[in-house]
Amino acid sequence: AGLQWTKPWEDVDDWDASGQTFDRLGDKCLWV
């Protein structure tokens, strides 16, 4: 993360490495 320098013909795309939540609580519970 932070300021990054690349070659002029290169780009930097973001990929989320932060915490994520898989939510199957309440009405979203999973029928099995």
PDB file of all heavy atoms in Angstrom:
ATOM      1  N   ALA A   1       0.834  -1.197   0.000  1.00  0.00           N
ATOM      2  CA  ALA A   1       0.000   0.000   0.000  1.00  0.00           C
ATOM      3  C   ALA A   1       0.872   1.251   0.000  1.00  0.00           C
ATOM      4  O   ALA A   1       2.066   1.208   0.280  1.00  0.00           O
ATOM      5  CB  ALA A   1      -0.918  -0.008   1.219  1.00  0.00           C
ATOM      6  N   GLY A   2       0.247   2.375  -0.356  1.00  0.00           N
ATOM      7  CA  GLY A   2       0.944   3.650  -0.333  1.00  0.00           C
ATOM      8  C   GLY A   2       1.351   4.116  -1.720  1.00  0.00           C
ATOM      9  O   GLY A   2       0.871   3.615  -2.739  1.00  0.00           O
ATOM     10  N   LEU A   3       2.263   5.078  -1.753  1.00  0.00           N
ATOM     11  CA  LEU A   3       2.741   5.649  -3.009  1.00  0.00           C
ATOM     12  C   LEU A   3       3.675   4.675  -3.708  1.00  0.00           C
ATOM     13  O   LEU A   3       4.621   4.181  -3.110  1.00  0.00           O
ATOM     14  CB  LEU A   3       3.465   6.963  -2.729  1.00  0.00           C
ATOM     15  CG  LEU A   3       4.091   7.686  -3.926  1.00  0.00           C
ATOM     16  CD1 LEU A   3       3.015   8.097  -4.925  1.00  0.00           C
ATOM     17  CD2 LEU A   3       4.878   8.907  -3.454  1.00  0.00           C
ATOM     18  N   GLN A   4       3.384   4.412  -4.980  1.00  0.00           N
ATOM     19  CA  GLN A   4       4.191   3.463  -5.748  1.00  0.00           C
ATOM     20  C   GLN A   4       4.582   4.102  -7.082  1.00  0.00           C
ATOM     21  O   GLN A   4       3.788   4.790  -7.712  1.00  0.00           O
ATOM     22  CB  GLN A   4       3.402   2.173  -6.019  1.00  0.00           C
ATOM     23  CG  GLN A   4       2.857   1.499  -4.775  1.00  0.00           C
ATOM     24  CD  GLN A   4       3.944   0.976  -3.858  1.00  0.00           C
ATOM     25  OE1 GLN A   4       5.058   0.659  -4.315  1.00  0.00           O
ATOM     26  NE2 GLN A   4       3.655   0.870  -2.571  1.00  0.00           N
ATOM     27  N   TRP A   5       5.820   3.854  -7.493  1.00  0.00           N
ATOM     28  CA  TRP A   5       6.307   4.359  -8.775  1.00  0.00           C
ATOM     29  C   TRP A   5       6.568   3.184  -9.706  1.00  0.00           C
ATOM     30  O   TRP A   5       7.162   2.184  -9.314  1.00  0.00           O
ATOM     31  CB  TRP A   5       7.588   5.173  -8.580  1.00  0.00           C
ATOM     32  CG  TRP A   5       7.366   6.447  -7.840  1.00  0.00           C
ATOM     33  CD1 TRP A   5       7.492   6.653  -6.499  1.00  0.00           C
ATOM     34  CD2 TRP A   5       6.963   7.689  -8.395  1.00  0.00           C
ATOM     35  NE1 TRP A   5       7.182   7.940  -6.175  1.00  0.00           N
ATOM     36  CE2 TRP A   5       6.855   8.619  -7.329  1.00  0.00           C
ATOM     37  CE3 TRP A   5       6.675   8.130  -9.685  1.00  0.00           C
ATOM     38  CZ2 TRP A   5       6.480   9.932  -7.521  1.00  0.00           C
ATOM     39  CZ3 TRP A   5       6.295   9.443  -9.882  1.00  0.00           C
ATOM     40  CH2 TRP A   5       6.209  10.328  -8.803  1.00  0.00           C
ATOM     41  N   THR A   6       6.113   3.314 -10.932  1.00  0.00           N
ATOM     42  CA  THR A   6       6.306   2.264 -11.920  1.00  0.00           C
ATOM     43  C   THR A   6       6.858   2.877 -13.207  1.00  0.00           C
ATOM     44  O   THR A   6       7.027   4.097 -13.299  1.00  0.00           O
ATOM     45  CB  THR A   6       4.973   1.553 -12.246  1.00  0.00           C
ATOM     46  OG1 THR A   6       4.060   2.522 -12.801  1.00  0.00           O
ATOM     47  CG2 THR A   6       4.359   0.937 -11.006  1.00  0.00           C
ATOM     48  N   LYS A   7       7.101   2.053 -14.191  1.00  0.00           N
ATOM     49  CA  LYS A   7       7.474   2.561 -15.519  1.00  0.00           C
ATOM     50  C   LYS A   7       6.282   3.308 -16.111  1.00  0.00           C
ATOM     51  O   LYS A   7       5.132   2.988 -15.798  1.00  0.00           O
ATOM     52  CB  LYS A   7       7.898   1.412 -16.417  1.00  0.00           C
ATOM     53  CG  LYS A   7       9.080   0.605 -15.881  1.00  0.00           C
ATOM     54  CD  LYS A   7       9.395  -0.545 -16.811  1.00  0.00           C
ATOM     55  CE  LYS A   7      10.558  -1.380 -16.270  1.00  0.00           C
ATOM     56  NZ  LYS A   7      10.188  -2.106 -15.017  1.00  0.00           N
ATOM     57  N   PRO A   8       6.512   4.295 -16.956  1.00  0.00           N
ATOM     58  CA  PRO A   8       5.396   5.108 -17.477  1.00  0.00           C
ATOM     59  C   PRO A   8       4.320   4.289 -18.188  1.00  0.00           C
ATOM     60  O   PRO A   8       3.157   4.666 -18.181  1.00  0.00           O
ATOM     61  CB  PRO A   8       6.082   6.078 -18.449  1.00  0.00           C
ATOM     62  CG  PRO A   8       7.497   6.153 -17.986  1.00  0.00           C
ATOM     63  CD  PRO A   8       7.821   4.790 -17.440  1.00  0.00           C
ATOM     64  N   TRP A   9       4.697   3.183 -18.819  1.00  0.00           N
ATOM     65  CA  TRP A   9       3.721   2.372 -19.558  1.00  0.00           C
ATOM     66  C   TRP A   9       3.050   1.317 -18.676  1.00  0.00           C
ATOM     67  O   TRP A   9       2.254   0.521 -19.172  1.00  0.00           O
ATOM     68  CB  TRP A   9       4.395   1.689 -20.751  1.00  0.00           C
ATOM     69  CG  TRP A   9       5.591   0.862 -20.374  1.00  0.00           C
ATOM     70  CD1 TRP A   9       5.613  -0.452 -19.988  1.00  0.00           C
ATOM     71  CD2 TRP A   9       6.950   1.311 -20.342  1.00  0.00           C
ATOM     72  NE1 TRP A   9       6.878  -0.857 -19.716  1.00  0.00           N
ATOM     73  CE2 TRP A   9       7.734   0.210 -19.938  1.00  0.00           C
ATOM     74  CE3 TRP A   9       7.574   2.525 -20.633  1.00  0.00           C
ATOM     75  CZ2 TRP A   9       9.116   0.301 -19.799  1.00  0.00           C
ATOM     76  CZ3 TRP A   9       8.945   2.603 -20.491  1.00  0.00           C
ATOM     77  CH2 TRP A   9       9.701   1.510 -20.086  1.00  0.00           C
ATOM     78  N   GLU A  10       3.346   1.327 -17.391  1.00  0.00           N
ATOM     79  CA  GLU A  10       2.726   0.380 -16.468  1.00  0.00           C
ATOM     80  C   GLU A  10       1.654   1.070 -15.629  1.00  0.00           C
ATOM     81  O   GLU A  10       1.731   2.268 -15.370  1.00  0.00           O
ATOM     82  CB  GLU A  10       3.785  -0.249 -15.547  1.00  0.00           C
ATOM     83  CG  GLU A  10       4.768  -1.147 -16.270  1.00  0.00           C
ATOM     84  CD  GLU A  10       5.813  -1.732 -15.353  1.00  0.00           C
ATOM     85  OE1 GLU A  10       6.064  -1.168 -14.263  1.00  0.00           O
ATOM     86  OE2 GLU A  10       6.401  -2.765 -15.721  1.00  0.00           O
ATOM     87  N   ASP A  11       0.677   0.287 -15.212  1.00  0.00           N
ATOM     88  CA  ASP A  11      -0.368   0.755 -14.301  1.00  0.00           C
ATOM     89  C   ASP A  11      -0.373  -0.123 -13.067  1.00  0.00           C
ATOM     90  O   ASP A  11       0.216  -1.215 -13.052  1.00  0.00           O
ATOM     91  CB  ASP A  11      -1.749   0.700 -14.979  1.00  0.00           C
ATOM     92  CG  ASP A  11      -1.894   1.730 -16.081  1.00  0.00           C
ATOM     93  OD1 ASP A  11      -1.515   2.888 -15.840  1.00  0.00           O
ATOM     94  OD2 ASP A  11      -2.389   1.391 -17.172  1.00  0.00           O
ATOM     95  N   VAL A  12      -1.079   0.346 -12.031  1.00  0.00           N
ATOM     96  CA  VAL A  12      -1.243  -0.447 -10.812  1.00  0.00           C
ATOM     97  C   VAL A  12      -2.728  -0.536 -10.503  1.00  0.00           C
ATOM     98  O   VAL A  12      -3.393   0.479 -10.310  1.00  0.00           O
ATOM     99  CB  VAL A  12      -0.485   0.178  -9.618  1.00  0.00           C
ATOM    100  CG1 VAL A  12      -0.734  -0.644  -8.351  1.00  0.00           C
ATOM    101  CG2 VAL A  12       1.008   0.249  -9.897  1.00  0.00           C
ATOM    102  N   ASP A  13      -3.238  -1.765 -10.479  1.00  0.00           N
ATOM    103  CA  ASP A  13      -4.634  -2.005 -10.125  1.00  0.00           C
ATOM    104  C   ASP A  13      -4.689  -2.523  -8.692  1.00  0.00           C
ATOM    105  O   ASP A  13      -3.762  -3.200  -8.238  1.00  0.00           O
ATOM    106  CB  ASP A  13      -5.259  -3.016 -11.092  1.00  0.00           C
ATOM    107  CG  ASP A  13      -6.772  -2.925 -11.123  1.00  0.00           C
ATOM    108  OD1 ASP A  13      -7.325  -2.078 -10.405  1.00  0.00           O
ATOM    109  OD2 ASP A  13      -7.404  -3.715 -11.854  1.00  0.00           O
ATOM    110  N   ASP A  14      -5.784  -2.223  -7.993  1.00  0.00           N
ATOM    111  CA  ASP A  14      -5.906  -2.610  -6.591  1.00  0.00           C
ATOM    112  C   ASP A  14      -6.472  -4.020  -6.449  1.00  0.00           C
ATOM    113  O   ASP A  14      -7.346  -4.431  -7.210  1.00  0.00           O
ATOM    114  CB  ASP A  14      -6.826  -1.640  -5.844  1.00  0.00           C
ATOM    115  CG  ASP A  14      -6.294  -0.228  -5.838  1.00  0.00           C
ATOM    116  OD1 ASP A  14      -5.076  -0.067  -5.975  1.00  0.00           O
ATOM    117  OD2 ASP A  14      -7.105   0.708  -5.690  1.00  0.00           O
ATOM    118  N   TRP A  15      -5.972  -4.740  -5.447  1.00  0.00           N
ATOM    119  CA  TRP A  15      -6.534  -6.039  -5.053  1.00  0.00           C
ATOM    120  C   TRP A  15      -6.721  -5.990  -3.547  1.00  0.00           C
ATOM    121  O   TRP A  15      -5.793  -5.727  -2.804  1.00  0.00           O
ATOM    122  CB  TRP A  15      -5.592  -7.170  -5.458  1.00  0.00           C
ATOM    123  CG  TRP A  15      -6.163  -8.538  -5.195  1.00  0.00           C
ATOM    124  CD1 TRP A  15      -5.913  -9.351  -4.128  1.00  0.00           C
ATOM    125  CD2 TRP A  15      -7.083  -9.259  -6.030  1.00  0.00           C
ATOM    126  NE1 TRP A  15      -6.600 -10.530  -4.235  1.00  0.00           N
ATOM    127  CE2 TRP A  15      -7.329 -10.499  -5.398  1.00  0.00           C
ATOM    128  CE3 TRP A  15      -7.715  -8.978  -7.235  1.00  0.00           C
ATOM    129  CZ2 TRP A  15      -8.188 -11.456  -5.947  1.00  0.00           C
ATOM    130  CZ3 TRP A  15      -8.568  -9.932  -7.779  1.00  0.00           C
ATOM    131  CH2 TRP A  15      -8.796 -11.145  -7.142  1.00  0.00           C
ATOM    132  N   ASP A  16      -7.937  -6.209  -3.107  1.00  0.00           N
ATOM    133  CA  ASP A  16      -8.295  -6.015  -1.698  1.00  0.00           C
ATOM    134  C   ASP A  16      -7.725  -7.142  -0.836  1.00  0.00           C
ATOM    135  O   ASP A  16      -8.098  -8.301  -0.996  1.00  0.00           O
ATOM    136  CB  ASP A  16      -9.820  -5.974  -1.571  1.00  0.00           C
ATOM    137  CG  ASP A  16     -10.278  -5.378  -0.245  1.00  0.00           C
ATOM    138  OD1 ASP A  16      -9.464  -5.366   0.706  1.00  0.00           O
ATOM    139  OD2 ASP A  16     -11.431  -4.931  -0.153  1.00  0.00           O
ATOM    140  N   ALA A  17      -6.823  -6.802   0.069  1.00  0.00           N
ATOM    141  CA  ALA A  17      -6.256  -7.782   0.991  1.00  0.00           C
ATOM    142  C   ALA A  17      -6.748  -7.554   2.418  1.00  0.00           C
ATOM    143  O   ALA A  17      -6.224  -8.147   3.359  1.00  0.00           O
ATOM    144  CB  ALA A  17      -4.727  -7.715   0.959  1.00  0.00           C
ATOM    145  N   SER A  18      -7.764  -6.707   2.585  1.00  0.00           N
ATOM    146  CA  SER A  18      -8.304  -6.425   3.909  1.00  0.00           C
ATOM    147  C   SER A  18      -9.285  -7.518   4.324  1.00  0.00           C
ATOM    148  O   SER A  18      -9.635  -8.402   3.543  1.00  0.00           O
ATOM    149  CB  SER A  18      -9.005  -5.064   3.915  1.00  0.00           C
ATOM    150  OG  SER A  18     -10.139  -5.076   3.048  1.00  0.00           O
ATOM    151  N   GLY A  19      -9.743  -7.462   5.575  1.00  0.00           N
ATOM    152  CA  GLY A  19     -10.672  -8.450   6.085  1.00  0.00           C
ATOM    153  C   GLY A  19     -12.025  -8.382   5.394  1.00  0.00           C
ATOM    154  O   GLY A  19     -12.561  -7.305   5.175  1.00  0.00           O
ATOM    155  N   GLN A  20     -12.571  -9.544   5.061  1.00  0.00           N
ATOM    156  CA  GLN A  20     -13.880  -9.667   4.418  1.00  0.00           C
ATOM    157  C   GLN A  20     -14.793 -10.510   5.301  1.00  0.00           C
ATOM    158  O   GLN A  20     -14.332 -11.293   6.128  1.00  0.00           O
ATOM    159  CB  GLN A  20     -13.754 -10.312   3.036  1.00  0.00           C
ATOM    160  CG  GLN A  20     -12.720  -9.676   2.136  1.00  0.00           C
ATOM    161  CD  GLN A  20     -13.084  -8.262   1.743  1.00  0.00           C
ATOM    162  OE1 GLN A  20     -14.247  -7.961   1.492  1.00  0.00           O
ATOM    163  NE2 GLN A  20     -12.087  -7.387   1.686  1.00  0.00           N
ATOM    164  N   THR A  21     -16.099 -10.370   5.093  1.00  0.00           N
ATOM    165  CA  THR A  21     -17.076 -11.118   5.888  1.00  0.00           C
ATOM    166  C   THR A  21     -17.996 -11.918   4.989  1.00  0.00           C
ATOM    167  O   THR A  21     -18.669 -11.357   4.116  1.00  0.00           O
ATOM    168  CB  THR A  21     -17.919 -10.180   6.766  1.00  0.00           C
ATOM    169  OG1 THR A  21     -17.055  -9.452   7.646  1.00  0.00           O
ATOM    170  CG2 THR A  21     -18.913 -10.976   7.599  1.00  0.00           C
ATOM    171  N   PHE A  22     -18.002 -13.224   5.174  1.00  0.00           N
ATOM    172  CA  PHE A  22     -18.992 -14.104   4.556  1.00  0.00           C
ATOM    173  C   PHE A  22     -20.134 -14.209   5.558  1.00  0.00           C
ATOM    174  O   PHE A  22     -19.981 -14.782   6.639  1.00  0.00           O
ATOM    175  CB  PHE A  22     -18.362 -15.473   4.276  1.00  0.00           C
ATOM    176  CG  PHE A  22     -19.340 -16.530   3.831  1.00  0.00           C
ATOM    177  CD1 PHE A  22     -19.613 -16.715   2.488  1.00  0.00           C
ATOM    178  CD2 PHE A  22     -19.978 -17.349   4.749  1.00  0.00           C
ATOM    179  CE1 PHE A  22     -20.501 -17.693   2.066  1.00  0.00           C
ATOM    180  CE2 PHE A  22     -20.865 -18.328   4.340  1.00  0.00           C
ATOM    181  CZ  PHE A  22     -21.129 -18.493   3.004  1.00  0.00           C
ATOM    182  N   ASP A  23     -21.274 -13.659   5.213  1.00  0.00           N
ATOM    183  CA  ASP A  23     -22.372 -13.505   6.181  1.00  0.00           C
ATOM    184  C   ASP A  23     -23.553 -14.389   5.802  1.00  0.00           C
ATOM    185  O   ASP A  23     -24.225 -14.160   4.802  1.00  0.00           O
ATOM    186  CB  ASP A  23     -22.809 -12.032   6.222  1.00  0.00           C
ATOM    187  CG  ASP A  23     -23.908 -11.783   7.250  1.00  0.00           C
ATOM    188  OD1 ASP A  23     -24.223 -12.708   8.022  1.00  0.00           O
ATOM    189  OD2 ASP A  23     -24.453 -10.666   7.271  1.00  0.00           O
ATOM    190  N   ARG A  24     -23.770 -15.423   6.618  1.00  0.00           N
ATOM    191  CA  ARG A  24     -24.942 -16.280   6.460  1.00  0.00           C
ATOM    192  C   ARG A  24     -25.718 -16.324   7.776  1.00  0.00           C
ATOM    193  O   ARG A  24     -26.156 -17.388   8.227  1.00  0.00           O
ATOM    194  CB  ARG A  24     -24.513 -17.698   6.074  1.00  0.00           C
ATOM    195  CG  ARG A  24     -24.031 -17.845   4.639  1.00  0.00           C
ATOM    196  CD  ARG A  24     -25.179 -17.748   3.670  1.00  0.00           C
ATOM    197  NE  ARG A  24     -24.833 -18.262   2.343  1.00  0.00           N
ATOM    198  CZ  ARG A  24     -25.687 -18.362   1.356  1.00  0.00           C
ATOM    199  NH1 ARG A  24     -26.943 -17.980   1.542  1.00  0.00           N
ATOM    200  NH2 ARG A  24     -25.318 -18.817   0.180  1.00  0.00           N
ATOM    201  N   LEU A  25     -25.902 -15.163   8.371  1.00  0.00           N
ATOM    202  CA  LEU A  25     -26.621 -15.073   9.634  1.00  0.00           C
ATOM    203  C   LEU A  25     -28.067 -14.657   9.395  1.00  0.00           C
ATOM    204  O   LEU A  25     -28.406 -14.087   8.359  1.00  0.00           O
ATOM    205  CB  LEU A  25     -25.934 -14.080  10.566  1.00  0.00           C
ATOM    206  CG  LEU A  25     -24.477 -14.393  10.967  1.00  0.00           C
ATOM    207  CD1 LEU A  25     -23.929 -13.300  11.857  1.00  0.00           C
ATOM    208  CD2 LEU A  25     -24.389 -15.759  11.664  1.00  0.00           C
ATOM    209  N   GLY A  26     -28.920 -14.939  10.397  1.00  0.00           N
ATOM    210  CA  GLY A  26     -30.311 -14.498  10.320  1.00  0.00           C
ATOM    211  C   GLY A  26     -31.054 -15.085   9.132  1.00  0.00           C
ATOM    212  O   GLY A  26     -30.970 -16.288   8.851  1.00  0.00           O
ATOM    213  N   ASP A  27     -31.735 -14.231   8.394  1.00  0.00           N
ATOM    214  CA  ASP A  27     -32.510 -14.684   7.235  1.00  0.00           C
ATOM    215  C   ASP A  27     -31.628 -15.172   6.097  1.00  0.00           C
ATOM    216  O   ASP A  27     -32.126 -15.781   5.140  1.00  0.00           O
ATOM    217  CB  ASP A  27     -33.413 -13.547   6.727  1.00  0.00           C
ATOM    218  CG  ASP A  27     -34.485 -13.158   7.730  1.00  0.00           C
ATOM    219  OD1 ASP A  27     -34.794 -13.996   8.599  1.00  0.00           O
ATOM    220  OD2 ASP A  27     -35.005 -12.025   7.652  1.00  0.00           O
ATOM    221  N   LYS A  28     -30.320 -14.902   6.172  1.00  0.00           N
ATOM    222  CA  LYS A  28     -29.403 -15.325   5.114  1.00  0.00           C
ATOM    223  C   LYS A  28     -28.757 -16.677   5.403  1.00  0.00           C
ATOM    224  O   LYS A  28     -27.818 -17.089   4.707  1.00  0.00           O
ATOM    225  CB  LYS A  28     -28.323 -14.262   4.907  1.00  0.00           C
ATOM    226  CG  LYS A  28     -28.863 -12.941   4.372  1.00  0.00           C
ATOM    227  CD  LYS A  28     -27.770 -11.896   4.216  1.00  0.00           C
ATOM    228  CE  LYS A  28     -27.332 -11.373   5.572  1.00  0.00           C
ATOM    229  NZ  LYS A  28     -26.367 -10.242   5.440  1.00  0.00           N
ATOM    230  N   CYS A  29     -29.252 -17.388   6.439  1.00  0.00           N
ATOM    231  CA  CYS A  29     -28.675 -18.688   6.777  1.00  0.00           C
ATOM    232  C   CYS A  29     -28.783 -19.644   5.586  1.00  0.00           C
ATOM    233  O   CYS A  29     -29.630 -19.471   4.698  1.00  0.00           O
ATOM    234  CB  CYS A  29     -29.372 -19.284   8.000  1.00  0.00           C
ATOM    235  SG  CYS A  29     -31.154 -19.566   7.782  1.00  0.00           S
ATOM    236  N   LEU A  30     -27.902 -20.634   5.555  1.00  0.00           N
ATOM    237  CA  LEU A  30     -27.794 -21.534   4.406  1.00  0.00           C
ATOM    238  C   LEU A  30     -28.573 -22.826   4.671  1.00  0.00           C
ATOM    239  O   LEU A  30     -28.303 -23.553   5.633  1.00  0.00           O
ATOM    240  CB  LEU A  30     -26.326 -21.859   4.136  1.00  0.00           C
ATOM    241  CG  LEU A  30     -26.057 -22.788   2.944  1.00  0.00           C
ATOM    242  CD1 LEU A  30     -26.475 -22.106   1.640  1.00  0.00           C
ATOM    243  CD2 LEU A  30     -24.576 -23.168   2.892  1.00  0.00           C
ATOM    244  N   TRP A  31     -29.539 -23.110   3.791  1.00  0.00           N
ATOM    245  CA  TRP A  31     -30.300 -24.355   3.890  1.00  0.00           C
ATOM    246  C   TRP A  31     -29.462 -25.508   3.336  1.00  0.00           C
ATOM    247  O   TRP A  31     -28.971 -25.456   2.211  1.00  0.00           O
ATOM    248  CB  TRP A  31     -31.617 -24.257   3.125  1.00  0.00           C
ATOM    249  CG  TRP A  31     -32.668 -23.463   3.856  1.00  0.00           C
ATOM    250  CD1 TRP A  31     -32.978 -22.155   3.684  1.00  0.00           C
ATOM    251  CD2 TRP A  31     -33.524 -23.960   4.885  1.00  0.00           C
ATOM    252  NE1 TRP A  31     -33.990 -21.776   4.538  1.00  0.00           N
ATOM    253  CE2 TRP A  31     -34.342 -22.865   5.293  1.00  0.00           C
ATOM    254  CE3 TRP A  31     -33.699 -25.183   5.509  1.00  0.00           C
ATOM    255  CZ2 TRP A  31     -35.307 -22.978   6.295  1.00  0.00           C
ATOM    256  CZ3 TRP A  31     -34.656 -25.303   6.511  1.00  0.00           C
ATOM    257  CH2 TRP A  31     -35.440 -24.214   6.897  1.00  0.00           C
ATOM    258  N   VAL A  32     -29.297 -26.557   4.189  1.00  0.00           N
ATOM    259  CA  VAL A  32     -28.508 -27.720   3.793  1.00  0.00           C
ATOM    260  C   VAL A  32     -29.274 -28.988   4.144  1.00  0.00           C
ATOM    261  O   VAL A  32     -30.178 -28.990   4.989  1.00  0.00           O
ATOM    262  CB  VAL A  32     -27.129 -27.735   4.498  1.00  0.00           C
ATOM    263  CG1 VAL A  32     -26.323 -26.492   4.155  1.00  0.00           C
ATOM    264  CG2 VAL A  32     -27.297 -27.867   6.016  1.00  0.00           C
TER     265      VAL A  32
END
